[in-house]
PDB file of N, CA and C in Angstrom:
ATOM      1  N   MET A   1      -8.092 -10.510 -58.164  1.00  0.00           N
ATOM      2  CA  MET A   1      -8.872 -11.514 -57.496  1.00  0.00           C
ATOM      3  C   MET A   1      -8.607 -11.481 -55.981  1.00  0.00           C
ATOM      4  N   GLY A   2      -7.381 -11.267 -55.591  1.00  0.00           N
ATOM      5  CA  GLY A   2      -7.053 -11.227 -54.182  1.00  0.00           C
ATOM      6  C   GLY A   2      -7.211  -9.851 -53.560  1.00  0.00           C
ATOM      7  N   GLU A   3      -7.649  -8.872 -54.332  1.00  0.00           N
ATOM      8  CA  GLU A   3      -7.788  -7.526 -53.808  1.00  0.00           C
ATOM      9  C   GLU A   3      -9.098  -7.397 -53.038  1.00  0.00           C
ATOM     10  N   GLU A   4      -9.043  -6.597 -51.988  1.00  0.00           N
ATOM     11  CA  GLU A   4     -10.247  -6.325 -51.211  1.00  0.00           C
ATOM     12  C   GLU A   4     -10.822  -4.994 -51.646  1.00  0.00           C
ATOM     13  N   GLN A   5     -12.122  -4.924 -51.683  1.00  0.00           N
ATOM     14  CA  GLN A   5     -12.760  -3.641 -51.935  1.00  0.00           C
ATOM     15  C   GLN A   5     -12.617  -2.791 -50.680  1.00  0.00           C
ATOM     16  N   ALA A   6     -12.726  -1.494 -50.832  1.00  0.00           N
ATOM     17  CA  ALA A   6     -12.537  -0.589 -49.707  1.00  0.00           C
ATOM     18  C   ALA A   6     -13.579  -0.863 -48.631  1.00  0.00           C
ATOM     19  N   GLY A   7     -13.106  -1.190 -47.433  1.00  0.00           N
ATOM     20  CA  GLY A   7     -13.981  -1.368 -46.288  1.00  0.00           C
ATOM     21  C   GLY A   7     -14.520  -2.768 -46.081  1.00  0.00           C
ATOM     22  N   GLN A   8     -14.338  -3.709 -47.011  1.00  0.00           N
ATOM     23  CA  GLN A   8     -14.912  -5.036 -46.836  1.00  0.00           C
ATOM     24  C   GLN A   8     -14.128  -5.883 -45.840  1.00  0.00           C
ATOM     25  N   GLY A   9     -12.820  -5.909 -45.958  1.00  0.00           N
ATOM     26  CA  GLY A   9     -12.017  -6.728 -45.057  1.00  0.00           C
ATOM     27  C   GLY A   9     -11.971  -6.167 -43.655  1.00  0.00           C
ATOM     28  N   ALA A  10     -11.964  -4.865 -43.544  1.00  0.00           N
ATOM     29  CA  ALA A  10     -11.886  -4.244 -42.227  1.00  0.00           C
ATOM     30  C   ALA A  10     -13.163  -4.448 -41.436  1.00  0.00           C
ATOM     31  N   SER A  11     -14.309  -4.504 -42.125  1.00  0.00           N
ATOM     32  CA  SER A  11     -15.567  -4.646 -41.394  1.00  0.00           C
ATOM     33  C   SER A  11     -15.691  -6.022 -40.755  1.00  0.00           C
ATOM     34  N   SER A  12     -15.251  -7.082 -41.443  1.00  0.00           N
ATOM     35  CA  SER A  12     -15.346  -8.409 -40.849  1.00  0.00           C
ATOM     36  C   SER A  12     -14.368  -8.554 -39.692  1.00  0.00           C
ATOM     37  N   ARG A  13     -13.185  -7.976 -39.835  1.00  0.00           N
ATOM     38  CA  ARG A  13     -12.229  -8.030 -38.732  1.00  0.00           C
ATOM     39  C   ARG A  13     -12.687  -7.178 -37.565  1.00  0.00           C
ATOM     40  N   SER A  14     -13.267  -6.014 -37.841  1.00  0.00           N
ATOM     41  CA  SER A  14     -13.711  -5.162 -36.741  1.00  0.00           C
ATOM     42  C   SER A  14     -14.911  -5.777 -36.031  1.00  0.00           C
ATOM     43  N   GLY A  15     -15.758  -6.533 -36.760  1.00  0.00           N
ATOM     44  CA  GLY A  15     -16.880  -7.219 -36.120  1.00  0.00           C
ATOM     45  C   GLY A  15     -16.391  -8.281 -35.151  1.00  0.00           C
ATOM     46  N   LEU A  16     -15.373  -9.020 -35.549  1.00  0.00           N
ATOM     47  CA  LEU A  16     -14.802 -10.036 -34.674  1.00  0.00           C
ATOM     48  C   LEU A  16     -14.114  -9.385 -33.469  1.00  0.00           C
ATOM     49  N   ALA A  17     -13.392  -8.307 -33.732  1.00  0.00           N
ATOM     50  CA  ALA A  17     -12.715  -7.612 -32.635  1.00  0.00           C
ATOM     51  C   ALA A  17     -13.727  -7.038 -31.656  1.00  0.00           C
ATOM     52  N   ARG A  18     -14.819  -6.509 -32.181  1.00  0.00           N
ATOM     53  CA  ARG A  18     -15.857  -5.962 -31.298  1.00  0.00           C
ATOM     54  C   ARG A  18     -16.487  -7.061 -30.461  1.00  0.00           C
ATOM     55  N   LEU A  19     -16.757  -8.213 -31.061  1.00  0.00           N
ATOM     56  CA  LEU A  19     -17.338  -9.335 -30.338  1.00  0.00           C
ATOM     57  C   LEU A  19     -16.403  -9.809 -29.231  1.00  0.00           C
ATOM     58  N   VAL A  20     -15.120  -9.927 -29.537  1.00  0.00           N
ATOM     59  CA  VAL A  20     -14.144 -10.364 -28.534  1.00  0.00           C
ATOM     60  C   VAL A  20     -14.028  -9.343 -27.418  1.00  0.00           C
ATOM     61  N   SER A  21     -13.956  -8.064 -27.757  1.00  0.00           N
ATOM     62  CA  SER A  21     -13.780  -7.043 -26.729  1.00  0.00           C
ATOM     63  C   SER A  21     -15.006  -6.913 -25.840  1.00  0.00           C
ATOM     64  N   VAL A  22     -16.190  -6.975 -26.427  1.00  0.00           N
ATOM     65  CA  VAL A  22     -17.401  -6.872 -25.613  1.00  0.00           C
ATOM     66  C   VAL A  22     -17.540  -8.096 -24.709  1.00  0.00           C
ATOM     67  N   SER A  23     -17.233  -9.272 -25.222  1.00  0.00           N
ATOM     68  CA  SER A  23     -17.318 -10.464 -24.380  1.00  0.00           C
ATOM     69  C   SER A  23     -16.276 -10.429 -23.268  1.00  0.00           C
ATOM     70  N   MET A  24     -15.093  -9.882 -23.547  1.00  0.00           N
ATOM     71  CA  MET A  24     -14.080  -9.754 -22.487  1.00  0.00           C
ATOM     72  C   MET A  24     -14.547  -8.802 -21.392  1.00  0.00           C
ATOM     73  N   VAL A  25     -15.147  -7.696 -21.794  1.00  0.00           N
ATOM     74  CA  VAL A  25     -15.623  -6.727 -20.811  1.00  0.00           C
ATOM     75  C   VAL A  25     -16.756  -7.327 -19.978  1.00  0.00           C
ATOM     76  N   VAL A  26     -17.668  -8.032 -20.611  1.00  0.00           N
ATOM     77  CA  VAL A  26     -18.790  -8.634 -19.880  1.00  0.00           C
ATOM     78  C   VAL A  26     -18.287  -9.719 -18.933  1.00  0.00           C
ATOM     79  N   LEU A  27     -17.391 -10.591 -19.394  1.00  0.00           N
ATOM     80  CA  LEU A  27     -16.846 -11.641 -18.521  1.00  0.00           C
ATOM     81  C   LEU A  27     -16.035 -11.054 -17.372  1.00  0.00           C
ATOM     82  N   GLY A  28     -15.273 -10.007 -17.651  1.00  0.00           N
ATOM     83  CA  GLY A  28     -14.501  -9.360 -16.597  1.00  0.00           C
ATOM     84  C   GLY A  28     -15.398  -8.724 -15.555  1.00  0.00           C
ATOM     85  N   ALA A  29     -16.464  -8.064 -15.998  1.00  0.00           N
ATOM     86  CA  ALA A  29     -17.394  -7.440 -15.051  1.00  0.00           C
ATOM     87  C   ALA A  29     -18.108  -8.500 -14.215  1.00  0.00           C
ATOM     88  N   MET A  30     -18.479  -9.617 -14.837  1.00  0.00           N
ATOM     89  CA  MET A  30     -19.112 -10.699 -14.077  1.00  0.00           C
ATOM     90  C   MET A  30     -18.156 -11.274 -13.039  1.00  0.00           C
ATOM     91  N   ALA A  31     -16.902 -11.447 -13.397  1.00  0.00           N
ATOM     92  CA  ALA A  31     -15.918 -11.984 -12.451  1.00  0.00           C
ATOM     93  C   ALA A  31     -15.685 -11.014 -11.301  1.00  0.00           C
ATOM     94  N   VAL A  32     -15.673  -9.713 -11.585  1.00  0.00           N
ATOM     95  CA  VAL A  32     -15.505  -8.723 -10.523  1.00  0.00           C
ATOM     96  C   VAL A  32     -16.682  -8.787  -9.562  1.00  0.00           C
ATOM     97  N   VAL A  33     -17.897  -8.877 -10.080  1.00  0.00           N
ATOM     98  CA  VAL A  33     -19.078  -8.936  -9.218  1.00  0.00           C
ATOM     99  C   VAL A  33     -19.083 -10.221  -8.398  1.00  0.00           C
ATOM    100  N   ILE A  34     -18.757 -11.346  -9.003  1.00  0.00           N
ATOM    101  CA  ILE A  34     -18.711 -12.610  -8.256  1.00  0.00           C
ATOM    102  C   ILE A  34     -17.647 -12.559  -7.171  1.00  0.00           C
ATOM    103  N   GLY A  35     -16.480 -11.990  -7.499  1.00  0.00           N
ATOM    104  CA  GLY A  35     -15.425 -11.862  -6.489  1.00  0.00           C
ATOM    105  C   GLY A  35     -15.848 -10.985  -5.326  1.00  0.00           C
ATOM    106  N   LEU A  36     -16.532  -9.883  -5.619  1.00  0.00           N
ATOM    107  CA  LEU A  36     -17.014  -9.017  -4.543  1.00  0.00           C
ATOM    108  C   LEU A  36     -18.062  -9.715  -3.688  1.00  0.00           C
ATOM    109  N   VAL A  37     -18.949 -10.482  -4.316  1.00  0.00           N
ATOM    110  CA  VAL A  37     -19.956 -11.215  -3.554  1.00  0.00           C
ATOM    111  C   VAL A  37     -19.285 -12.222  -2.631  1.00  0.00           C
ATOM    112  N   LEU A  38     -18.274 -12.924  -3.130  1.00  0.00           N
ATOM    113  CA  LEU A  38     -17.566 -13.891  -2.282  1.00  0.00           C
ATOM    114  C   LEU A  38     -16.836 -13.203  -1.131  1.00  0.00           C
ATOM    115  N   LEU A  39     -16.369 -11.991  -1.349  1.00  0.00           N
ATOM    116  CA  LEU A  39     -15.669 -11.276  -0.284  1.00  0.00           C
ATOM    117  C   LEU A  39     -16.612 -10.672   0.744  1.00  0.00           C
ATOM    118  N   VAL A  40     -17.741 -10.154   0.298  1.00  0.00           N
ATOM    119  CA  VAL A  40     -18.624  -9.396   1.189  1.00  0.00           C
ATOM    120  C   VAL A  40     -19.516 -10.299   2.027  1.00  0.00           C
ATOM    121  N   LEU A  41     -20.058 -11.350   1.440  1.00  0.00           N
ATOM    122  CA  LEU A  41     -20.956 -12.215   2.192  1.00  0.00           C
ATOM    123  C   LEU A  41     -20.195 -12.976   3.265  1.00  0.00           C
ATOM    124  N   PRO A  42     -20.785 -13.124   4.429  1.00  0.00           N
ATOM    125  CA  PRO A  42     -20.097 -13.865   5.498  1.00  0.00           C
ATOM    126  C   PRO A  42     -19.942 -15.334   5.119  1.00  0.00           C
ATOM    127  N   SER A  43     -18.826 -15.898   5.533  1.00  0.00           N
ATOM    128  CA  SER A  43     -18.531 -17.278   5.151  1.00  0.00           C
ATOM    129  C   SER A  43     -18.881 -18.281   6.240  1.00  0.00           C
ATOM    130  N   GLY A  44     -19.655 -17.878   7.226  1.00  0.00           N
ATOM    131  CA  GLY A  44     -20.061 -18.824   8.262  1.00  0.00           C
ATOM    132  C   GLY A  44     -19.123 -18.760   9.461  1.00  0.00           C
ATOM    133  N   GLN A  45     -19.071 -19.839  10.191  1.00  0.00           N
ATOM    134  CA  GLN A  45     -18.269 -19.885  11.406  1.00  0.00           C
ATOM    135  C   GLN A  45     -16.787 -20.002  11.069  1.00  0.00           C
ATOM    136  N   ALA A  46     -15.986 -19.571  12.018  1.00  0.00           N
ATOM    137  CA  ALA A  46     -14.540 -19.677  11.850  1.00  0.00           C
ATOM    138  C   ALA A  46     -14.138 -21.148  11.849  1.00  0.00           C
ATOM    139  N   SER A  47     -13.253 -21.506  10.953  1.00  0.00           N
ATOM    140  CA  SER A  47     -12.866 -22.908  10.838  1.00  0.00           C
ATOM    141  C   SER A  47     -11.632 -23.249  11.667  1.00  0.00           C
ATOM    142  N   PHE A  48     -11.085 -22.260  12.377  1.00  0.00           N
ATOM    143  CA  PHE A  48      -9.859 -22.551  13.106  1.00  0.00           C
ATOM    144  C   PHE A  48     -10.083 -22.683  14.603  1.00  0.00           C
ATOM    145  N   GLY A  49     -11.307 -22.775  15.075  1.00  0.00           N
ATOM    146  CA  GLY A  49     -11.577 -23.127  16.458  1.00  0.00           C
ATOM    147  C   GLY A  49     -11.640 -21.952  17.416  1.00  0.00           C
ATOM    148  N   TRP A  50     -11.644 -22.337  18.687  1.00  0.00           N
ATOM    149  CA  TRP A  50     -11.782 -21.374  19.766  1.00  0.00           C
ATOM    150  C   TRP A  50     -10.455 -20.669  19.965  1.00  0.00           C
ATOM    151  N   PHE A  51     -10.463 -19.326  20.019  1.00  0.00           N
ATOM    152  CA  PHE A  51      -9.195 -18.598  20.037  1.00  0.00           C
ATOM    153  C   PHE A  51      -9.020 -17.681  21.250  1.00  0.00           C
ATOM    154  N   ALA A  52      -9.967 -17.636  22.158  1.00  0.00           N
ATOM    155  CA  ALA A  52      -9.883 -16.659  23.246  1.00  0.00           C
ATOM    156  C   ALA A  52      -8.860 -17.048  24.326  1.00  0.00           C
ATOM    157  N   HIS A  53      -8.746 -18.307  24.643  1.00  0.00           N
ATOM    158  CA  HIS A  53      -7.868 -18.712  25.739  1.00  0.00           C
ATOM    159  C   HIS A  53      -7.380 -20.137  25.500  1.00  0.00           C
ATOM    160  N   ALA A  54      -6.113 -20.321  25.628  1.00  0.00           N
ATOM    161  CA  ALA A  54      -5.561 -21.664  25.496  1.00  0.00           C
ATOM    162  C   ALA A  54      -4.916 -22.027  26.822  1.00  0.00           C
ATOM    163  N   PRO A  55      -5.626 -22.696  27.731  1.00  0.00           N
ATOM    164  CA  PRO A  55      -5.060 -22.992  29.050  1.00  0.00           C
ATOM    165  C   PRO A  55      -3.946 -24.043  28.981  1.00  0.00           C
ATOM    166  N   LEU A  56      -3.000 -23.886  29.876  1.00  0.00           N
ATOM    167  CA  LEU A  56      -1.902 -24.822  30.053  1.00  0.00           C
ATOM    168  C   LEU A  56      -1.066 -25.019  28.786  1.00  0.00           C
ATOM    169  N   SER A  57      -0.887 -23.941  28.057  1.00  0.00           N
ATOM    170  CA  SER A  57      -0.036 -24.081  26.884  1.00  0.00           C
ATOM    171  C   SER A  57       0.625 -22.742  26.601  1.00  0.00           C
ATOM    172  N   ASP A  58       1.875 -22.774  26.087  1.00  0.00           N
ATOM    173  CA  ASP A  58       2.546 -21.514  25.743  1.00  0.00           C
ATOM    174  C   ASP A  58       2.583 -21.278  24.235  1.00  0.00           C
ATOM    175  N   THR A  59       1.934 -22.095  23.470  1.00  0.00           N
ATOM    176  CA  THR A  59       1.963 -21.911  22.030  1.00  0.00           C
ATOM    177  C   THR A  59       0.795 -21.034  21.577  1.00  0.00           C
ATOM    178  N   THR A  60       1.059 -20.284  20.568  1.00  0.00           N
ATOM    179  CA  THR A  60       0.024 -19.446  19.978  1.00  0.00           C
ATOM    180  C   THR A  60      -0.418 -20.078  18.674  1.00  0.00           C
ATOM    181  N   PHE A  61      -1.710 -20.171  18.512  1.00  0.00           N
ATOM    182  CA  PHE A  61      -2.236 -20.800  17.304  1.00  0.00           C
ATOM    183  C   PHE A  61      -2.420 -19.749  16.217  1.00  0.00           C
ATOM    184  N   PHE A  62      -1.878 -20.044  15.039  1.00  0.00           N
ATOM    185  CA  PHE A  62      -2.100 -19.225  13.853  1.00  0.00           C
ATOM    186  C   PHE A  62      -2.779 -20.096  12.810  1.00  0.00           C
ATOM    187  N   PRO A  63      -3.849 -19.611  12.231  1.00  0.00           N
ATOM    188  CA  PRO A  63      -4.493 -20.404  11.186  1.00  0.00           C
ATOM    189  C   PRO A  63      -3.522 -20.644  10.032  1.00  0.00           C
ATOM    190  N   PRO A  64      -3.617 -21.770   9.350  1.00  0.00           N
ATOM    191  CA  PRO A  64      -2.645 -22.095   8.298  1.00  0.00           C
ATOM    192  C   PRO A  64      -2.663 -21.119   7.118  1.00  0.00           C
ATOM    193  N   SER A  65      -3.789 -20.512   6.827  1.00  0.00           N
ATOM    194  CA  SER A  65      -3.844 -19.625   5.672  1.00  0.00           C
ATOM    195  C   SER A  65      -4.034 -18.166   6.072  1.00  0.00           C
ATOM    196  N   GLY A  66      -3.538 -17.781   7.211  1.00  0.00           N
ATOM    197  CA  GLY A  66      -3.752 -16.415   7.665  1.00  0.00           C
ATOM    198  C   GLY A  66      -5.157 -16.277   8.206  1.00  0.00           C
ATOM    199  N   LEU A  67      -5.687 -15.096   8.160  1.00  0.00           N
ATOM    200  CA  LEU A  67      -7.023 -14.866   8.695  1.00  0.00           C
ATOM    201  C   LEU A  67      -8.103 -14.896   7.615  1.00  0.00           C
ATOM    202  N   LEU A  68      -7.728 -15.261   6.425  1.00  0.00           N
ATOM    203  CA  LEU A  68      -8.703 -15.336   5.344  1.00  0.00           C
ATOM    204  C   LEU A  68      -9.150 -16.771   5.130  1.00  0.00           C
ATOM    205  N   SER A  69     -10.457 -16.946   5.029  1.00  0.00           N
ATOM    206  CA  SER A  69     -10.986 -18.272   4.751  1.00  0.00           C
ATOM    207  C   SER A  69     -10.726 -18.621   3.287  1.00  0.00           C
ATOM    208  N   PRO A  70     -10.823 -19.896   2.941  1.00  0.00           N
ATOM    209  CA  PRO A  70     -10.648 -20.265   1.533  1.00  0.00           C
ATOM    210  C   PRO A  70     -11.640 -19.555   0.606  1.00  0.00           C
ATOM    211  N   ARG A  71     -12.840 -19.316   1.103  1.00  0.00           N
ATOM    212  CA  ARG A  71     -13.837 -18.594   0.299  1.00  0.00           C
ATOM    213  C   ARG A  71     -13.391 -17.158   0.028  1.00  0.00           C
ATOM    214  N   ASN A  72     -12.831 -16.481   1.042  1.00  0.00           N
ATOM    215  CA  ASN A  72     -12.340 -15.117   0.840  1.00  0.00           C
ATOM    216  C   ASN A  72     -11.130 -15.100  -0.088  1.00  0.00           C
ATOM    217  N   GLN A  73     -10.271 -16.099   0.031  1.00  0.00           N
ATOM    218  CA  GLN A  73      -9.130 -16.171  -0.873  1.00  0.00           C
ATOM    219  C   GLN A  73      -9.591 -16.371  -2.312  1.00  0.00           C
ATOM    220  N   LEU A  74     -10.599 -17.213  -2.513  1.00  0.00           N
ATOM    221  CA  LEU A  74     -11.165 -17.412  -3.844  1.00  0.00           C
ATOM    222  C   LEU A  74     -11.780 -16.108  -4.357  1.00  0.00           C
ATOM    223  N   GLY A  75     -12.467 -15.372  -3.470  1.00  0.00           N
ATOM    224  CA  GLY A  75     -13.054 -14.098  -3.855  1.00  0.00           C
ATOM    225  C   GLY A  75     -12.012 -13.088  -4.295  1.00  0.00           C
ATOM    226  N   ILE A  76     -10.898 -13.030  -3.582  1.00  0.00           N
ATOM    227  CA  ILE A  76      -9.816 -12.114  -3.953  1.00  0.00           C
ATOM    228  C   ILE A  76      -9.227 -12.515  -5.310  1.00  0.00           C
ATOM    229  N   GLY A  77      -9.035 -13.810  -5.518  1.00  0.00           N
ATOM    230  CA  GLY A  77      -8.486 -14.279  -6.785  1.00  0.00           C
ATOM    231  C   GLY A  77      -9.406 -13.995  -7.960  1.00  0.00           C
ATOM    232  N   VAL A  78     -10.700 -14.271  -7.802  1.00  0.00           N
ATOM    233  CA  VAL A  78     -11.659 -14.035  -8.879  1.00  0.00           C
ATOM    234  C   VAL A  78     -11.779 -12.535  -9.156  1.00  0.00           C
ATOM    235  N   PHE A  79     -11.781 -11.726  -8.102  1.00  0.00           N
ATOM    236  CA  PHE A  79     -11.860 -10.272  -8.263  1.00  0.00           C
ATOM    237  C   PHE A  79     -10.643  -9.745  -9.027  1.00  0.00           C
ATOM    238  N   THR A  80      -9.458 -10.215  -8.684  1.00  0.00           N
ATOM    239  CA  THR A  80      -8.237  -9.762  -9.349  1.00  0.00           C
ATOM    240  C   THR A  80      -8.207 -10.194 -10.818  1.00  0.00           C
ATOM    241  N   ILE A  81      -8.560 -11.434 -11.075  1.00  0.00           N
ATOM    242  CA  ILE A  81      -8.602 -11.909 -12.462  1.00  0.00           C
ATOM    243  C   ILE A  81      -9.662 -11.158 -13.260  1.00  0.00           C
ATOM    244  N   GLY A  82     -10.801 -10.868 -12.628  1.00  0.00           N
ATOM    245  CA  GLY A  82     -11.850 -10.104 -13.301  1.00  0.00           C
ATOM    246  C   GLY A  82     -11.396  -8.708 -13.667  1.00  0.00           C
ATOM    247  N   LEU A  83     -10.661  -8.049 -12.762  1.00  0.00           N
ATOM    248  CA  LEU A  83     -10.138  -6.719 -13.087  1.00  0.00           C
ATOM    249  C   LEU A  83      -9.144  -6.781 -14.241  1.00  0.00           C
ATOM    250  N   ALA A  84      -8.309  -7.808 -14.258  1.00  0.00           N
ATOM    251  CA  ALA A  84      -7.336  -7.941 -15.347  1.00  0.00           C
ATOM    252  C   ALA A  84      -8.038  -8.180 -16.687  1.00  0.00           C
ATOM    253  N   VAL A  85      -9.053  -9.043 -16.706  1.00  0.00           N
ATOM    254  CA  VAL A  85      -9.790  -9.317 -17.938  1.00  0.00           C
ATOM    255  C   VAL A  85     -10.554  -8.077 -18.387  1.00  0.00           C
ATOM    256  N   LEU A  86     -11.129  -7.350 -17.429  1.00  0.00           N
ATOM    257  CA  LEU A  86     -11.845  -6.116 -17.749  1.00  0.00           C
ATOM    258  C   LEU A  86     -10.902  -5.082 -18.361  1.00  0.00           C
ATOM    259  N   ALA A  87      -9.714  -4.936 -17.802  1.00  0.00           N
ATOM    260  CA  ALA A  87      -8.734  -3.997 -18.353  1.00  0.00           C
ATOM    261  C   ALA A  87      -8.270  -4.434 -19.740  1.00  0.00           C
ATOM    262  N   PHE A  88      -8.071  -5.734 -19.929  1.00  0.00           N
ATOM    263  CA  PHE A  88      -7.661  -6.235 -21.242  1.00  0.00           C
ATOM    264  C   PHE A  88      -8.737  -5.972 -22.287  1.00  0.00           C
ATOM    265  N   GLY A  89      -9.993  -6.234 -21.936  1.00  0.00           N
ATOM    266  CA  GLY A  89     -11.095  -5.992 -22.872  1.00  0.00           C
ATOM    267  C   GLY A  89     -11.246  -4.521 -23.210  1.00  0.00           C
ATOM    268  N   ALA A  90     -11.111  -3.651 -22.209  1.00  0.00           N
ATOM    269  CA  ALA A  90     -11.205  -2.216 -22.471  1.00  0.00           C
ATOM    270  C   ALA A  90     -10.046  -1.747 -23.350  1.00  0.00           C
ATOM    271  N   GLY A  91      -8.868  -2.263 -23.118  1.00  0.00           N
ATOM    272  CA  GLY A  91      -7.720  -1.917 -23.961  1.00  0.00           C
ATOM    273  C   GLY A  91      -7.887  -2.412 -25.377  1.00  0.00           C
ATOM    274  N   TRP A  92      -8.456  -3.591 -25.536  1.00  0.00           N
ATOM    275  CA  TRP A  92      -8.711  -4.136 -26.863  1.00  0.00           C
ATOM    276  C   TRP A  92      -9.708  -3.248 -27.604  1.00  0.00           C
ATOM    277  N   MET A  93     -10.774  -2.824 -26.899  1.00  0.00           N
ATOM    278  CA  MET A  93     -11.767  -1.955 -27.538  1.00  0.00           C
ATOM    279  C   MET A  93     -11.145  -0.631 -27.972  1.00  0.00           C
ATOM    280  N   LEU A  94     -10.346  -0.052 -27.101  1.00  0.00           N
ATOM    281  CA  LEU A  94      -9.706   1.212 -27.421  1.00  0.00           C
ATOM    282  C   LEU A  94      -8.717   1.046 -28.573  1.00  0.00           C
ATOM    283  N   GLY A  95      -7.950  -0.022 -28.561  1.00  0.00           N
ATOM    284  CA  GLY A  95      -6.986  -0.267 -29.633  1.00  0.00           C
ATOM    285  C   GLY A  95      -7.656  -0.496 -30.973  1.00  0.00           C
ATOM    286  N   SER A  96      -8.761  -1.244 -30.989  1.00  0.00           N
ATOM    287  CA  SER A  96      -9.440  -1.475 -32.258  1.00  0.00           C
ATOM    288  C   SER A  96     -10.106  -0.200 -32.769  1.00  0.00           C
ATOM    289  N   ARG A  97     -10.573   0.638 -31.862  1.00  0.00           N
ATOM    290  CA  ARG A  97     -11.151   1.909 -32.287  1.00  0.00           C
ATOM    291  C   ARG A  97     -10.083   2.813 -32.893  1.00  0.00           C
ATOM    292  N   LEU A  98      -8.916   2.859 -32.261  1.00  0.00           N
ATOM    293  CA  LEU A  98      -7.835   3.683 -32.797  1.00  0.00           C
ATOM    294  C   LEU A  98      -7.330   3.130 -34.130  1.00  0.00           C
ATOM    295  N   GLU A  99      -7.268   1.800 -34.243  1.00  0.00           N
ATOM    296  CA  GLU A  99      -6.824   1.186 -35.496  1.00  0.00           C
ATOM    297  C   GLU A  99      -7.796   1.519 -36.626  1.00  0.00           C
ATOM    298  N   ARG A 100      -9.093   1.456 -36.344  1.00  0.00           N
ATOM    299  CA  ARG A 100     -10.090   1.785 -37.369  1.00  0.00           C
ATOM    300  C   ARG A 100     -10.004   3.258 -37.753  1.00  0.00           C
ATOM    301  N   ALA A 101      -9.788   4.151 -36.772  1.00  0.00           N
ATOM    302  CA  ALA A 101      -9.673   5.579 -37.080  1.00  0.00           C
ATOM    303  C   ALA A 101      -8.437   5.846 -37.938  1.00  0.00           C
ATOM    304  N   ARG A 102      -7.340   5.170 -37.644  1.00  0.00           N
ATOM    305  CA  ARG A 102      -6.128   5.343 -38.464  1.00  0.00           C
ATOM    306  C   ARG A 102      -6.347   4.815 -39.876  1.00  0.00           C
ATOM    307  N   TRP A 103      -7.015   3.674 -40.005  1.00  0.00           N
ATOM    308  CA  TRP A 103      -7.285   3.109 -41.313  1.00  0.00           C
ATOM    309  C   TRP A 103      -8.168   4.050 -42.127  1.00  0.00           C
ATOM    310  N   LEU A 104      -9.187   4.613 -41.495  1.00  0.00           N
ATOM    311  CA  LEU A 104     -10.072   5.536 -42.205  1.00  0.00           C
ATOM    312  C   LEU A 104      -9.334   6.801 -42.626  1.00  0.00           C
ATOM    313  N   SER A 105      -8.472   7.306 -41.750  1.00  0.00           N
ATOM    314  CA  SER A 105      -7.755   8.536 -42.104  1.00  0.00           C
ATOM    315  C   SER A 105      -6.756   8.290 -43.242  1.00  0.00           C
ATOM    316  N   ARG A 106      -6.151   7.101 -43.313  1.00  0.00           N
ATOM    317  CA  ARG A 106      -5.220   6.789 -44.404  1.00  0.00           C
ATOM    318  C   ARG A 106      -5.940   6.582 -45.721  1.00  0.00           C
ATOM    319  N   ASN A 107      -7.097   5.927 -45.680  1.00  0.00           N
ATOM    320  CA  ASN A 107      -7.781   5.540 -46.906  1.00  0.00           C
ATOM    321  C   ASN A 107      -8.886   6.502 -47.330  1.00  0.00           C
ATOM    322  N   TYR A 108      -9.132   7.547 -46.584  1.00  0.00           N
ATOM    323  CA  TYR A 108     -10.193   8.477 -46.942  1.00  0.00           C
ATOM    324  C   TYR A 108      -9.891   9.175 -48.261  1.00  0.00           C
ATOM    325  N   PHE A 109      -8.652   9.591 -48.420  1.00  0.00           N
ATOM    326  CA  PHE A 109      -8.297  10.304 -49.649  1.00  0.00           C
ATOM    327  C   PHE A 109      -8.415   9.379 -50.853  1.00  0.00           C
ATOM    328  N   ARG A 110      -7.975   8.120 -50.701  1.00  0.00           N
ATOM    329  CA  ARG A 110      -8.053   7.162 -51.802  1.00  0.00           C
ATOM    330  C   ARG A 110      -9.494   6.871 -52.183  1.00  0.00           C
ATOM    331  N   MET A 111     -10.351   6.737 -51.197  1.00  0.00           N
ATOM    332  CA  MET A 111     -11.757   6.424 -51.477  1.00  0.00           C
ATOM    333  C   MET A 111     -12.470   7.637 -52.094  1.00  0.00           C
ATOM    334  N   SER A 112     -12.100   8.851 -51.695  1.00  0.00           N
ATOM    335  CA  SER A 112     -12.788  10.029 -52.229  1.00  0.00           C
ATOM    336  C   SER A 112     -12.331  10.352 -53.644  1.00  0.00           C
ATOM    337  N   THR A 113     -11.113   9.945 -54.049  1.00  0.00           N
ATOM    338  CA  THR A 113     -10.640  10.238 -55.396  1.00  0.00           C
ATOM    339  C   THR A 113     -11.165   9.242 -56.423  1.00  0.00           C
ATOM    340  N   ARG A 114     -11.711   8.099 -56.014  1.00  0.00           N
ATOM    341  CA  ARG A 114     -12.211   7.091 -56.953  1.00  0.00           C
ATOM    342  C   ARG A 114     -13.552   7.503 -57.562  1.00  0.00           C
ATOM    343  N   ARG A 115     -14.275   8.381 -56.948  1.00  0.00           N
ATOM    344  CA  ARG A 115     -15.613   8.753 -57.430  1.00  0.00           C
ATOM    345  C   ARG A 115     -15.595   9.597 -58.629  1.00  0.00           C
TER     346      ARG A 115
END
């Protein structure tokens, strides 16, 4: 009663794994594209003011977050997370493909002798 027929349990698990891996790859690619768009498009005027000359002062002004605007920082973060998700999804796809190939190679002899 608890036994699985050859190929029935693996197909439902591989369908779920395929759905997860494809969705990871699609979400990762979307995040990479959004991150690139945030990085490439101009973010408007500089938010740290006039920087050419500071009369009557010996201090040098440095923006609080470096030379990157918050939009560019968000773009870098989204791009990096997108690459990580894309790599995870691709690894999941490759791992599930290898797992299925190993399962088929182990069970091929058993399935061919039942006929």
